[in-house]
N, C-alpha and C. Protein backbone atom coordinates (compact mmCIF):
# COMPACT_ATOMS: atom_id res chain seq x y z
N MET A 1 86.28 -8.15 17.01
CA MET A 1 86.27 -7.51 18.32
C MET A 1 87.59 -7.93 19.00
N LEU A 2 88.30 -7.00 19.62
CA LEU A 2 89.49 -7.22 20.26
C LEU A 2 89.27 -7.81 21.52
N ALA A 3 89.93 -8.88 21.82
CA ALA A 3 89.82 -9.52 23.17
C ALA A 3 90.22 -8.66 24.36
N SER A 4 91.24 -7.67 24.02
CA SER A 4 91.64 -6.80 25.12
C SER A 4 90.55 -5.75 25.49
N GLU A 5 89.46 -5.66 24.72
CA GLU A 5 88.38 -4.65 25.01
C GLU A 5 87.45 -5.28 26.08
N PHE A 6 87.36 -6.63 26.38
CA PHE A 6 86.35 -7.15 27.13
C PHE A 6 86.42 -6.70 28.51
N PRO A 7 87.51 -6.62 29.22
CA PRO A 7 87.52 -6.16 30.60
C PRO A 7 86.94 -4.74 30.74
N LEU A 8 87.27 -3.82 29.88
CA LEU A 8 86.73 -2.37 29.92
C LEU A 8 85.19 -2.53 29.67
N LEU A 9 84.81 -3.13 28.61
CA LEU A 9 83.39 -3.19 28.32
C LEU A 9 82.54 -3.73 29.42
N LEU A 10 83.05 -5.01 30.04
CA LEU A 10 82.31 -5.74 30.85
C LEU A 10 82.25 -5.20 32.43
N ASN A 11 83.11 -4.23 32.58
CA ASN A 11 83.21 -3.63 33.95
C ASN A 11 82.75 -2.09 33.89
N ASN A 12 82.20 -1.75 32.84
CA ASN A 12 81.79 -0.36 32.66
C ASN A 12 80.40 -0.27 32.05
N ARG A 13 79.35 -0.06 32.94
CA ARG A 13 78.03 -0.09 32.39
C ARG A 13 77.87 0.93 31.27
N SER A 14 78.52 1.94 31.39
CA SER A 14 78.22 3.02 30.17
C SER A 14 78.80 2.49 28.98
N SER A 15 79.56 1.47 28.92
CA SER A 15 80.20 1.03 27.74
C SER A 15 79.26 -0.14 27.08
N LEU A 16 78.11 -0.47 27.71
CA LEU A 16 77.20 -1.43 27.20
C LEU A 16 76.86 -1.21 25.63
N PRO A 17 76.39 0.01 25.34
CA PRO A 17 76.07 0.23 23.92
C PRO A 17 77.21 -0.02 23.02
N ARG A 18 78.42 0.19 23.43
CA ARG A 18 79.58 -0.26 22.58
C ARG A 18 79.69 -1.76 22.38
N LEU A 19 79.52 -2.42 23.58
CA LEU A 19 79.59 -3.97 23.46
C LEU A 19 78.57 -4.44 22.61
N VAL A 20 77.26 -3.91 22.56
CA VAL A 20 76.23 -4.34 21.75
C VAL A 20 76.54 -4.07 20.38
N THR A 21 77.13 -2.89 19.97
CA THR A 21 77.47 -2.59 18.71
C THR A 21 78.51 -3.59 18.03
N LEU A 22 79.55 -3.80 19.02
CA LEU A 22 80.56 -4.67 18.49
C LEU A 22 80.05 -6.13 18.32
N CYS A 23 79.10 -6.54 19.20
CA CYS A 23 78.55 -7.89 19.00
C CYS A 23 77.80 -7.90 17.68
N ASP A 24 77.01 -6.84 17.30
CA ASP A 24 76.24 -6.81 16.15
C ASP A 24 77.16 -6.91 14.80
N GLN A 25 78.38 -6.39 15.07
CA GLN A 25 79.21 -6.32 13.87
C GLN A 25 80.15 -7.53 13.70
N THR A 26 80.07 -8.41 14.88
CA THR A 26 80.95 -9.58 14.87
C THR A 26 80.25 -10.73 14.28
N PRO A 27 80.79 -11.65 13.53
CA PRO A 27 80.07 -12.91 13.03
C PRO A 27 79.69 -13.73 14.09
N SER A 28 78.64 -14.46 14.01
CA SER A 28 78.10 -15.40 15.04
C SER A 28 79.21 -16.50 15.29
N MET A 29 79.23 -16.84 16.55
CA MET A 29 80.19 -17.81 16.99
C MET A 29 79.53 -18.76 18.04
N PRO A 30 80.00 -20.08 18.15
CA PRO A 30 79.43 -20.79 19.28
C PRO A 30 79.51 -20.16 20.62
N PHE A 31 78.53 -20.60 21.48
CA PHE A 31 78.57 -19.93 22.77
C PHE A 31 79.72 -20.30 23.62
N ASP A 32 80.19 -21.56 23.56
CA ASP A 32 81.39 -22.05 24.27
C ASP A 32 82.44 -21.11 23.97
N VAL A 33 82.66 -20.61 22.71
CA VAL A 33 83.78 -19.75 22.53
C VAL A 33 83.79 -18.37 23.13
N VAL A 34 82.51 -17.97 23.10
CA VAL A 34 82.27 -16.60 23.80
C VAL A 34 82.56 -16.82 25.34
N ARG A 35 81.96 -17.87 25.90
CA ARG A 35 82.27 -18.26 27.45
C ARG A 35 83.70 -18.29 27.65
N ASN A 36 84.57 -18.96 26.89
CA ASN A 36 85.88 -19.13 27.12
C ASN A 36 86.59 -17.85 27.09
N VAL A 37 86.27 -16.96 26.20
CA VAL A 37 86.94 -15.74 25.95
C VAL A 37 86.68 -14.72 27.26
N VAL A 38 85.38 -14.76 27.58
CA VAL A 38 84.97 -13.91 28.73
C VAL A 38 85.58 -14.33 30.01
N GLU A 39 85.58 -15.71 30.25
CA GLU A 39 86.25 -16.21 31.48
C GLU A 39 87.79 -16.02 31.50
N LYS A 40 88.40 -16.20 30.42
CA LYS A 40 89.76 -16.00 30.26
C LYS A 40 90.19 -14.51 30.60
N GLN A 41 89.42 -13.47 30.09
CA GLN A 41 89.68 -12.09 30.21
C GLN A 41 89.35 -11.55 31.65
N LEU A 42 88.32 -12.01 32.23
CA LEU A 42 87.89 -11.65 33.43
C LEU A 42 88.38 -12.50 34.66
N GLY A 43 88.78 -13.67 34.28
CA GLY A 43 89.26 -14.62 35.36
C GLY A 43 88.12 -15.08 36.32
N LYS A 44 86.88 -14.95 35.77
CA LYS A 44 85.90 -15.39 36.60
C LYS A 44 84.96 -16.53 35.93
N ASN A 45 84.20 -17.32 36.61
CA ASN A 45 83.43 -18.29 36.02
C ASN A 45 82.20 -17.61 35.43
N PHE A 46 81.86 -17.90 34.28
CA PHE A 46 80.84 -17.20 33.38
C PHE A 46 79.49 -17.34 34.19
N ASP A 47 79.04 -18.59 34.58
CA ASP A 47 77.81 -18.85 35.17
C ASP A 47 77.71 -18.01 36.43
N ASP A 48 78.74 -17.79 37.16
CA ASP A 48 78.68 -17.15 38.50
C ASP A 48 78.36 -15.59 38.15
N MET A 49 79.03 -15.09 37.06
CA MET A 49 78.82 -13.68 36.69
C MET A 49 77.44 -13.48 36.20
N PHE A 50 76.82 -14.27 35.46
CA PHE A 50 75.61 -14.01 34.95
C PHE A 50 74.37 -14.84 35.48
N GLU A 51 74.57 -15.37 36.73
CA GLU A 51 73.51 -16.13 37.21
C GLU A 51 72.30 -15.38 37.64
N PHE A 52 72.48 -14.15 38.09
CA PHE A 52 71.28 -13.25 38.36
C PHE A 52 71.76 -11.90 38.28
N PHE A 53 70.86 -11.01 38.28
CA PHE A 53 70.99 -9.60 38.20
C PHE A 53 70.54 -8.96 39.46
N ASP A 54 71.51 -8.53 40.25
CA ASP A 54 71.19 -8.08 41.54
C ASP A 54 70.80 -6.52 41.62
N VAL A 55 69.62 -6.34 41.92
CA VAL A 55 69.13 -4.89 41.95
C VAL A 55 68.88 -4.47 43.39
N GLU A 56 69.42 -5.21 44.39
CA GLU A 56 69.23 -4.68 45.64
C GLU A 56 69.76 -3.49 45.95
N PRO A 57 70.99 -3.00 45.54
CA PRO A 57 71.50 -1.63 45.88
C PRO A 57 70.63 -0.62 45.34
N VAL A 58 69.99 -0.80 44.14
CA VAL A 58 69.15 0.19 43.59
C VAL A 58 67.91 0.28 44.32
N GLY A 59 67.34 -0.79 44.62
CA GLY A 59 66.04 -0.94 45.53
C GLY A 59 66.19 -0.26 46.96
N SER A 60 67.43 -0.57 47.54
CA SER A 60 67.71 -0.01 48.80
C SER A 60 67.71 1.45 48.85
N ALA A 61 68.41 1.89 47.78
CA ALA A 61 68.59 3.39 47.66
C ALA A 61 67.26 4.05 47.50
N SER A 62 66.38 3.46 46.69
CA SER A 62 65.06 4.01 46.45
C SER A 62 64.27 4.04 47.85
N ILE A 63 64.34 3.00 48.59
CA ILE A 63 63.59 3.01 49.84
C ILE A 63 64.14 4.04 50.77
N ALA A 64 65.50 4.20 50.81
CA ALA A 64 66.03 5.18 51.69
C ALA A 64 65.64 6.63 51.23
N GLN A 65 65.56 6.87 49.91
CA GLN A 65 65.18 8.15 49.48
C GLN A 65 63.69 8.53 49.70
N VAL A 66 62.82 7.49 49.64
CA VAL A 66 61.43 7.83 49.83
C VAL A 66 61.10 7.73 51.25
N ASN A 67 61.81 6.88 52.10
CA ASN A 67 61.55 6.66 53.61
C ASN A 67 60.15 6.18 53.83
N GLY A 68 59.74 5.36 52.97
CA GLY A 68 58.46 4.85 53.05
C GLY A 68 58.06 3.58 52.12
N PRO A 69 56.95 3.21 51.95
CA PRO A 69 56.73 1.96 51.06
C PRO A 69 57.20 2.30 49.69
N VAL A 70 57.75 1.29 48.99
CA VAL A 70 58.17 1.39 47.72
C VAL A 70 57.93 0.17 46.92
N LEU A 71 57.36 0.25 45.69
CA LEU A 71 57.05 -0.66 44.79
C LEU A 71 57.79 -0.46 43.47
N VAL A 72 58.73 -1.44 43.08
CA VAL A 72 59.46 -1.19 41.86
C VAL A 72 59.25 -2.38 41.01
N GLU A 73 59.43 -2.16 39.63
CA GLU A 73 59.09 -3.23 38.70
C GLU A 73 60.30 -3.20 37.50
N ASP A 74 60.65 -4.34 37.01
CA ASP A 74 61.41 -4.35 35.99
C ASP A 74 61.05 -5.69 35.14
N THR A 75 61.43 -5.72 33.80
CA THR A 75 61.18 -6.78 33.00
C THR A 75 62.44 -7.13 32.34
N CYS A 76 62.52 -8.31 31.78
CA CYS A 76 63.62 -8.89 31.07
C CYS A 76 63.16 -9.80 30.07
N LEU A 77 63.94 -10.06 28.97
CA LEU A 77 63.73 -11.08 27.98
C LEU A 77 65.09 -11.88 27.81
N CYS A 78 64.86 -13.21 28.13
CA CYS A 78 65.97 -14.04 28.33
C CYS A 78 66.12 -15.29 27.21
N PHE A 79 67.20 -15.27 26.50
CA PHE A 79 67.36 -16.29 25.51
C PHE A 79 67.99 -17.41 26.12
N ASN A 80 67.44 -18.71 26.09
CA ASN A 80 67.93 -19.72 26.72
C ASN A 80 69.25 -20.18 26.10
N ALA A 81 69.52 -20.01 24.79
CA ALA A 81 70.79 -20.30 24.11
C ALA A 81 71.86 -19.48 24.64
N LEU A 82 71.61 -18.30 25.10
CA LEU A 82 72.57 -17.23 25.65
C LEU A 82 72.58 -17.27 27.15
N LYS A 83 71.99 -18.35 27.75
CA LYS A 83 72.18 -18.44 29.18
C LYS A 83 71.52 -17.26 29.86
N GLY A 84 70.43 -16.69 29.22
CA GLY A 84 69.61 -15.65 29.94
C GLY A 84 69.79 -14.33 29.55
N LEU A 85 71.01 -14.01 28.59
CA LEU A 85 70.99 -12.82 28.00
C LEU A 85 69.98 -12.60 26.87
N PRO A 86 69.65 -11.29 26.48
CA PRO A 86 70.07 -10.15 27.20
C PRO A 86 69.48 -9.75 28.47
N GLY A 87 68.51 -10.53 29.01
CA GLY A 87 68.00 -10.27 30.33
C GLY A 87 67.56 -8.78 30.54
N PRO A 88 67.88 -8.21 31.61
CA PRO A 88 67.46 -6.96 32.00
C PRO A 88 68.09 -5.83 31.21
N TYR A 89 68.99 -6.23 30.42
CA TYR A 89 69.62 -5.24 29.38
C TYR A 89 68.82 -5.20 28.08
N ILE A 90 67.71 -5.84 27.88
CA ILE A 90 67.03 -5.90 26.68
C ILE A 90 66.70 -4.49 26.06
N LYS A 91 66.47 -3.60 26.96
CA LYS A 91 66.01 -2.18 26.44
C LYS A 91 67.30 -1.69 25.53
N TRP A 92 68.37 -1.76 26.09
CA TRP A 92 69.67 -1.21 25.46
C TRP A 92 69.98 -2.00 24.24
N PHE A 93 69.85 -3.46 24.31
CA PHE A 93 70.06 -4.21 23.14
C PHE A 93 69.18 -3.88 21.94
N LEU A 94 67.78 -3.75 22.27
CA LEU A 94 66.84 -3.24 21.22
C LEU A 94 67.16 -1.95 20.76
N GLU A 95 67.61 -0.93 21.55
CA GLU A 95 67.85 0.40 21.07
C GLU A 95 68.99 0.35 19.94
N LYS A 96 70.04 -0.47 20.21
CA LYS A 96 71.07 -0.55 19.32
C LYS A 96 71.11 -1.42 18.31
N ILE A 97 70.48 -2.58 18.26
CA ILE A 97 70.42 -3.45 17.16
C ILE A 97 69.03 -3.86 16.65
N GLY A 98 67.93 -3.48 17.27
CA GLY A 98 66.67 -3.55 16.74
C GLY A 98 66.07 -4.96 16.79
N HIS A 99 64.94 -5.10 16.16
CA HIS A 99 64.37 -6.64 16.13
C HIS A 99 65.21 -7.48 15.43
N GLU A 100 65.52 -7.19 14.32
CA GLU A 100 66.56 -8.05 13.32
C GLU A 100 67.86 -8.35 14.02
N GLY A 101 68.40 -7.54 14.74
CA GLY A 101 69.60 -7.69 15.54
C GLY A 101 69.34 -8.77 16.60
N LEU A 102 68.13 -8.70 17.30
CA LEU A 102 67.91 -9.74 18.27
C LEU A 102 67.83 -11.17 17.74
N ASN A 103 67.22 -11.12 16.47
CA ASN A 103 67.17 -12.48 15.79
C ASN A 103 68.52 -12.95 15.38
N ASN A 104 69.33 -11.99 15.03
CA ASN A 104 70.73 -12.29 14.57
C ASN A 104 71.57 -12.89 15.85
N LEU A 105 71.27 -12.47 16.94
CA LEU A 105 71.99 -13.01 18.14
C LEU A 105 71.77 -14.40 18.22
N LEU A 106 70.68 -14.97 17.67
CA LEU A 106 70.45 -16.56 17.82
C LEU A 106 70.60 -17.17 16.54
N LYS A 107 71.28 -16.39 15.56
CA LYS A 107 71.41 -17.03 14.19
C LYS A 107 72.15 -18.43 14.31
N ALA A 108 73.25 -18.44 15.08
CA ALA A 108 74.07 -19.59 15.25
C ALA A 108 73.53 -20.77 16.06
N TYR A 109 72.26 -20.67 16.57
CA TYR A 109 71.73 -21.57 17.46
C TYR A 109 70.43 -22.10 16.96
N GLU A 110 70.24 -23.47 17.11
CA GLU A 110 69.07 -24.03 16.93
C GLU A 110 67.79 -23.68 17.87
N ASP A 111 68.24 -23.58 19.12
CA ASP A 111 67.36 -23.18 20.21
C ASP A 111 67.00 -21.73 20.17
N LYS A 112 65.71 -21.44 19.82
CA LYS A 112 65.19 -20.03 19.71
C LYS A 112 64.35 -19.80 21.04
N SER A 113 64.29 -20.78 21.86
CA SER A 113 63.39 -20.60 23.03
C SER A 113 63.89 -19.38 23.96
N ALA A 114 62.82 -18.87 24.63
CA ALA A 114 63.13 -17.58 25.43
C ALA A 114 62.00 -17.54 26.46
N PHE A 115 62.30 -16.77 27.39
CA PHE A 115 61.21 -16.33 28.45
C PHE A 115 61.21 -14.91 28.74
N ALA A 116 60.04 -14.41 28.88
CA ALA A 116 59.81 -13.01 29.33
C ALA A 116 59.59 -13.07 31.00
N MET A 117 60.17 -12.20 31.49
CA MET A 117 59.94 -12.20 33.17
C MET A 117 59.77 -10.74 33.57
N CYS A 118 58.68 -10.64 34.53
CA CYS A 118 58.51 -9.28 35.18
C CYS A 118 58.61 -9.49 36.64
N ILE A 119 59.23 -8.58 37.27
CA ILE A 119 59.45 -8.72 38.79
C ILE A 119 58.98 -7.40 39.53
N PHE A 120 58.25 -7.68 40.40
CA PHE A 120 57.77 -6.47 41.13
C PHE A 120 58.25 -6.70 42.59
N SER A 121 58.97 -5.74 43.25
CA SER A 121 59.37 -5.97 44.63
C SER A 121 58.79 -4.79 45.50
N LEU A 122 58.27 -5.20 46.60
CA LEU A 122 57.65 -4.32 47.51
C LEU A 122 58.25 -4.31 48.81
N ALA A 123 58.71 -3.04 49.33
CA ALA A 123 59.29 -2.95 50.67
C ALA A 123 58.52 -1.79 51.35
N LEU A 124 58.16 -2.15 52.57
CA LEU A 124 57.26 -1.26 53.29
C LEU A 124 58.00 -0.09 53.96
N GLY A 125 59.36 -0.13 53.87
CA GLY A 125 60.19 1.01 54.38
C GLY A 125 61.50 0.60 54.72
N PRO A 126 62.45 1.40 55.13
CA PRO A 126 63.93 1.16 55.38
C PRO A 126 63.98 0.00 56.34
N GLY A 127 64.78 -1.05 55.94
CA GLY A 127 65.14 -1.99 56.90
C GLY A 127 64.19 -3.18 56.75
N GLU A 128 63.08 -2.87 55.99
CA GLU A 128 62.03 -3.90 55.68
C GLU A 128 62.52 -5.00 54.71
N GLU A 129 62.31 -6.19 54.92
CA GLU A 129 62.63 -7.16 53.84
C GLU A 129 61.66 -7.11 52.74
N PRO A 130 62.17 -6.81 51.29
CA PRO A 130 61.22 -6.73 50.23
C PRO A 130 60.48 -8.13 49.87
N ILE A 131 59.36 -7.91 49.40
CA ILE A 131 58.51 -8.97 49.11
C ILE A 131 58.59 -9.02 47.44
N THR A 132 58.90 -10.10 46.89
CA THR A 132 59.05 -10.13 45.46
C THR A 132 57.97 -10.96 44.71
N PHE A 133 57.49 -10.49 43.64
CA PHE A 133 56.45 -11.14 42.98
C PHE A 133 56.95 -11.33 41.33
N VAL A 134 57.08 -12.50 41.05
CA VAL A 134 57.65 -12.94 39.71
C VAL A 134 56.54 -13.45 38.70
N GLY A 135 56.50 -12.92 37.69
CA GLY A 135 55.61 -13.47 36.49
C GLY A 135 56.54 -13.83 35.20
N LYS A 136 56.24 -15.10 34.80
CA LYS A 136 57.27 -15.62 33.75
C LYS A 136 56.31 -16.18 32.61
N THR A 137 56.73 -15.91 31.35
CA THR A 137 56.04 -16.49 30.26
C THR A 137 56.95 -17.10 29.31
N ALA A 138 56.89 -18.25 29.03
CA ALA A 138 57.81 -19.00 28.03
C ALA A 138 57.31 -18.86 26.57
N GLY A 139 58.35 -18.81 25.75
CA GLY A 139 57.93 -18.69 24.42
C GLY A 139 59.24 -18.76 23.44
N LYS A 140 59.26 -18.10 22.24
CA LYS A 140 60.37 -18.26 21.47
C LYS A 140 60.59 -16.88 20.59
N ILE A 141 61.72 -16.83 20.13
CA ILE A 141 62.16 -15.54 19.33
C ILE A 141 61.88 -15.84 17.94
N VAL A 142 61.09 -14.90 17.23
CA VAL A 142 60.62 -15.06 15.69
C VAL A 142 60.91 -13.70 15.04
N SER A 143 60.94 -13.85 13.74
CA SER A 143 61.05 -12.70 12.99
C SER A 143 59.91 -11.60 13.23
N ALA A 144 60.12 -10.48 13.31
CA ALA A 144 59.19 -9.40 13.82
C ALA A 144 57.93 -9.47 13.09
N ARG A 145 56.83 -9.56 13.85
CA ARG A 145 55.55 -9.54 13.25
C ARG A 145 54.60 -8.62 14.07
N GLY A 146 53.62 -7.96 13.36
CA GLY A 146 52.69 -7.11 14.07
C GLY A 146 53.23 -5.68 14.29
N PRO A 147 52.37 -4.85 14.96
CA PRO A 147 52.74 -3.45 15.10
C PRO A 147 54.03 -3.23 15.89
N ASN A 148 54.80 -2.31 15.31
CA ASN A 148 56.10 -2.02 15.98
C ASN A 148 56.01 -0.83 16.93
N ASP A 149 55.15 -0.95 17.83
CA ASP A 149 54.89 0.21 18.80
C ASP A 149 55.11 0.10 20.21
N PHE A 150 55.63 -1.18 20.60
CA PHE A 150 55.89 -1.55 21.90
C PHE A 150 56.99 -2.48 22.20
N GLY A 151 58.22 -1.88 22.22
CA GLY A 151 59.42 -2.63 22.56
C GLY A 151 59.75 -4.01 21.76
N TRP A 152 59.96 -5.09 22.46
CA TRP A 152 60.27 -6.33 21.69
C TRP A 152 59.10 -7.27 21.46
N ASP A 153 57.86 -6.65 21.67
CA ASP A 153 56.71 -7.55 21.37
C ASP A 153 56.65 -8.17 20.09
N PRO A 154 57.02 -7.47 19.02
CA PRO A 154 56.94 -8.24 17.73
C PRO A 154 57.78 -9.48 17.49
N VAL A 155 58.79 -9.60 18.38
CA VAL A 155 59.72 -10.86 18.14
C VAL A 155 59.50 -11.87 19.22
N PHE A 156 58.52 -11.58 20.11
CA PHE A 156 58.29 -12.71 21.14
C PHE A 156 56.97 -13.38 20.83
N GLN A 157 57.00 -14.78 20.61
CA GLN A 157 55.81 -15.55 20.54
C GLN A 157 55.59 -16.49 21.58
N PRO A 158 54.50 -16.32 22.54
CA PRO A 158 54.41 -17.16 23.65
C PRO A 158 54.20 -18.61 23.34
N ASP A 159 54.47 -19.57 23.98
CA ASP A 159 54.18 -21.01 23.75
C ASP A 159 52.67 -21.19 23.73
N GLY A 160 52.24 -21.98 22.80
CA GLY A 160 50.84 -22.18 22.73
C GLY A 160 50.14 -21.28 21.90
N PHE A 161 50.67 -20.15 21.32
CA PHE A 161 50.08 -19.37 20.50
C PHE A 161 50.71 -19.06 19.12
N GLU A 162 50.07 -18.72 18.13
CA GLU A 162 50.64 -18.44 16.84
C GLU A 162 50.89 -17.04 16.58
N GLN A 163 50.61 -16.30 17.47
CA GLN A 163 50.78 -14.87 17.48
C GLN A 163 51.91 -14.31 18.31
N THR A 164 52.55 -13.31 17.88
CA THR A 164 53.49 -12.53 18.82
C THR A 164 52.72 -11.81 19.78
N TYR A 165 53.35 -11.29 20.75
CA TYR A 165 52.75 -10.26 21.68
C TYR A 165 52.03 -9.10 20.91
N ALA A 166 52.85 -8.64 19.84
CA ALA A 166 52.35 -7.46 19.08
C ALA A 166 51.19 -7.78 18.31
N GLU A 167 50.92 -8.95 17.90
CA GLU A 167 49.68 -9.35 16.94
C GLU A 167 48.63 -9.70 17.86
N MET A 168 48.81 -9.81 19.13
CA MET A 168 47.59 -10.35 20.04
C MET A 168 46.68 -9.13 20.34
N PRO A 169 45.42 -9.32 20.57
CA PRO A 169 44.56 -8.37 21.15
C PRO A 169 45.23 -8.02 22.58
N LYS A 170 45.00 -6.74 22.98
CA LYS A 170 45.50 -6.26 24.26
C LYS A 170 44.98 -7.26 25.43
N SER A 171 43.82 -7.62 25.34
CA SER A 171 43.04 -8.29 26.52
C SER A 171 43.62 -9.66 26.54
N VAL A 172 44.07 -10.30 25.46
CA VAL A 172 44.73 -11.60 25.42
C VAL A 172 46.13 -11.45 26.03
N LYS A 173 46.82 -10.54 25.48
CA LYS A 173 48.31 -10.36 26.08
C LYS A 173 48.30 -10.08 27.42
N ASN A 174 47.45 -9.24 27.84
CA ASN A 174 47.47 -8.85 29.31
C ASN A 174 47.16 -10.05 30.31
N GLU A 175 46.38 -10.94 29.66
CA GLU A 175 46.01 -12.28 30.52
C GLU A 175 47.22 -13.22 30.68
N ILE A 176 47.97 -13.33 29.47
CA ILE A 176 49.01 -14.28 29.55
C ILE A 176 50.49 -13.83 29.62
N SER A 177 50.58 -12.47 29.69
CA SER A 177 51.86 -11.88 29.67
C SER A 177 52.56 -12.10 31.05
N HIS A 178 53.93 -11.89 31.02
CA HIS A 178 54.74 -11.95 32.09
C HIS A 178 54.29 -10.90 33.11
N ARG A 179 54.16 -9.70 32.66
CA ARG A 179 53.74 -8.57 33.52
C ARG A 179 52.33 -8.76 34.06
N GLY A 180 51.44 -9.31 33.24
CA GLY A 180 50.11 -9.58 33.77
C GLY A 180 50.12 -10.70 34.90
N LYS A 181 50.92 -11.53 34.78
CA LYS A 181 51.08 -12.62 35.81
C LYS A 181 51.67 -12.01 37.15
N ALA A 182 52.59 -11.28 37.00
CA ALA A 182 53.33 -10.64 38.08
C ALA A 182 52.37 -9.67 38.82
N LEU A 183 51.67 -8.87 38.01
CA LEU A 183 50.79 -7.91 38.56
C LEU A 183 49.46 -8.62 39.43
N ALA A 184 49.16 -9.63 38.85
CA ALA A 184 48.06 -10.50 39.45
C ALA A 184 48.50 -10.98 40.85
N LEU A 185 49.74 -11.16 40.90
CA LEU A 185 50.26 -11.68 42.28
C LEU A 185 50.37 -10.45 43.30
N VAL A 186 50.77 -9.29 42.75
CA VAL A 186 50.68 -8.12 43.48
C VAL A 186 49.28 -7.70 44.06
N LYS A 187 48.28 -7.81 43.05
CA LYS A 187 46.88 -7.46 43.51
C LYS A 187 46.45 -8.46 44.55
N GLU A 188 46.77 -9.72 44.34
CA GLU A 188 46.38 -10.81 45.27
C GLU A 188 46.92 -10.38 46.75
N HIS A 189 48.28 -10.08 46.77
CA HIS A 189 48.93 -9.73 47.98
C HIS A 189 48.27 -8.60 48.83
N PHE A 190 47.89 -7.55 48.07
CA PHE A 190 47.33 -6.32 48.56
C PHE A 190 45.89 -6.63 49.04
N ALA A 191 45.27 -7.53 48.36
CA ALA A 191 43.76 -7.87 48.67
C ALA A 191 43.78 -8.57 49.97
N SER A 192 44.89 -9.41 50.24
CA SER A 192 44.82 -10.34 51.49
C SER A 192 45.45 -9.62 52.67
N ALA A 193 46.46 -8.66 52.42
CA ALA A 193 47.17 -7.89 53.44
C ALA A 193 46.36 -6.87 54.24
N SER A 194 46.66 -6.63 55.32
CA SER A 194 45.96 -5.62 56.16
C SER A 194 46.90 -4.42 56.52
N TYR A 195 47.01 -3.69 55.40
CA TYR A 195 47.76 -2.41 55.55
C TYR A 195 47.04 -1.29 56.04
N THR A 196 47.47 -0.42 56.78
CA THR A 196 46.90 0.75 57.36
C THR A 196 47.31 1.91 56.39
N VAL A 197 46.42 2.51 55.81
CA VAL A 197 46.87 3.68 54.97
C VAL A 197 46.66 4.99 55.74
N GLN A 198 47.69 5.82 55.74
CA GLN A 198 47.58 7.12 56.39
C GLN A 198 47.73 8.26 55.38
N SER A 199 47.01 9.25 55.54
CA SER A 199 47.15 10.50 54.60
C SER A 199 47.53 11.76 55.46
N ASP A 200 48.21 12.57 54.61
CA ASP A 200 48.48 13.87 55.29
C ASP A 200 47.50 14.92 54.81
N ASP A 201 46.56 15.24 55.77
CA ASP A 201 45.38 16.18 55.37
C ASP A 201 45.78 17.55 55.33
N SER A 202 47.10 17.74 55.83
CA SER A 202 47.54 19.12 55.76
C SER A 202 48.06 19.59 54.49
N ALA A 203 48.37 18.73 53.61
CA ALA A 203 48.85 18.88 52.21
C ALA A 203 47.83 19.56 51.35
């Protein structure tokens, strides 16, 4: 991978698939090497760039368009050895490199630990401060096991279990999953809040 390609790839979201492909074709290398190249090319601190994924502009646009209550949800799969990547980009990583490729991302590292996270954000309208609900499940990345019918479930094994998400009965997965935990917080909030529901009878 040419170092000169980094600025274009990392500043252009549409180039993410290209970046994933290049990473898949490039031999594994220590994370410190990757960090140094990225920082040198972009002139920014790596931890500052990837500390969090800011979805506020998207959420604000959604609220403005609806002009009413909005509930948005997103999930991510974060590898601790890669400082949280792929994170919210897991969908595109999975589409381009598959389950085997996700394992290959960690080939050079002993640390296979990861965490799955789901975030719901609720805003009651324009100008209202969003309420955020976070569900998180710790685990590790393993070779794919179980049905291959739902995203990255076959490669994520939650801590305390011998099964991957894909191998678990749906009832068990829903109880311990990141999405299940976040949704439980959402339900708890709605159960305790006193919202007034209005309907348009003329429709």
